Amino acid sequence: MLLKMIAGLSGPEFNLAPGDEREFDDAEAERLIEAGFAVKAEVDEVPAAAPARKKGKANVVSAEGDAGSE
């Protein structure tokens, strides 16, 4: 079950802040909701994949060569 945290919670496999969302098994999710640590997250739509980023440094050298020496 997908939960949205109301309070911070950390464990050996996660470190969650208020507002973070995480999937928990149903029993653990119900326990966290009853304890007031989380609420069920509203799933509006599937998030779109982020655009691929180029690796490496940006080309900051002029294609003209030494353009600043005029």
Protein backbone atom coordinates (compact mmCIF):
# COMPACT_ATOMS: atom_id res chain seq x y z
CA MET A 1 0.00 0.00 0.00
CA LEU A 2 1.34 3.44 -0.93
CA LEU A 3 1.53 5.79 2.06
CA LYS A 4 2.26 9.49 2.42
CA MET A 5 4.17 10.25 5.60
CA ILE A 6 2.84 12.75 8.15
CA ALA A 7 5.81 12.33 10.49
CA GLY A 8 9.45 11.47 9.92
CA LEU A 9 10.35 7.79 10.10
CA SER A 10 13.63 5.99 9.56
CA GLY A 11 14.77 2.41 9.61
CA PRO A 12 17.58 0.25 8.29
CA GLU A 13 16.21 0.44 4.71
CA PHE A 14 14.71 3.94 4.54
CA ASN A 15 14.73 7.49 5.88
CA LEU A 16 11.41 9.27 5.31
CA ALA A 17 10.44 12.89 5.95
CA PRO A 18 6.90 14.30 6.19
CA GLY A 19 5.42 14.39 2.69
CA ASP A 20 7.51 11.48 1.38
CA GLU A 21 5.68 8.55 -0.21
CA ARG A 22 6.68 4.89 0.10
CA GLU A 23 5.18 1.48 -0.53
CA PHE A 24 4.59 -0.69 2.60
CA ASP A 25 3.04 -4.12 3.00
CA ASP A 26 -0.62 -3.95 4.10
CA ALA A 27 -0.08 -4.92 7.75
CA GLU A 28 2.70 -2.37 8.28
CA ALA A 29 0.74 0.28 6.38
CA GLU A 30 -2.31 -0.16 8.62
CA ARG A 31 -0.09 0.02 11.72
CA LEU A 32 1.50 3.29 10.55
CA ILE A 33 -1.89 4.81 9.70
CA GLU A 34 -3.37 3.84 13.09
CA ALA A 35 -0.30 5.28 14.87
CA GLY A 36 -0.77 8.60 13.03
CA PHE A 37 2.52 8.44 11.14
CA ALA A 38 1.01 8.25 7.63
CA VAL A 39 -2.08 8.40 5.44
CA LYS A 40 -2.93 6.55 2.25
CA ALA A 41 -1.36 8.31 -0.72
CA GLU A 42 -3.65 9.44 -3.49
CA VAL A 43 -2.47 8.04 -6.78
CA ASP A 44 -3.50 10.51 -9.50
CA GLU A 45 -1.55 9.18 -12.45
CA VAL A 46 1.62 7.36 -13.35
CA PRO A 47 4.55 9.80 -13.24
CA ALA A 48 6.15 10.52 -16.61
CA ALA A 49 9.72 9.39 -17.13
CA ALA A 50 12.29 12.14 -16.74
CA PRO A 51 14.07 13.11 -19.95
CA ALA A 52 17.46 11.50 -20.44
CA ARG A 53 20.38 13.69 -19.43
CA LYS A 54 23.61 13.83 -21.36
CA LYS A 55 26.67 12.71 -19.46
CA GLY A 56 29.87 14.68 -19.50
CA LYS A 57 30.76 18.35 -19.54
CA ALA A 58 28.97 20.97 -21.60
CA ASN A 59 30.80 22.28 -24.66
CA VAL A 60 31.77 25.79 -23.53
CA VAL A 61 34.49 26.41 -26.10
CA SER A 62 33.53 28.52 -29.10
CA ALA A 63 33.28 26.67 -32.41
CA GLU A 64 35.07 29.69 -33.96
CA GLY A 65 38.18 28.98 -31.95
CA ASP A 66 39.69 32.11 -30.36
CA ALA A 67 36.67 34.42 -30.78
CA GLY A 68 37.59 36.74 -27.89
CA SER A 69 40.91 37.95 -29.34
CA GLU A 70 39.61 40.37 -32.01
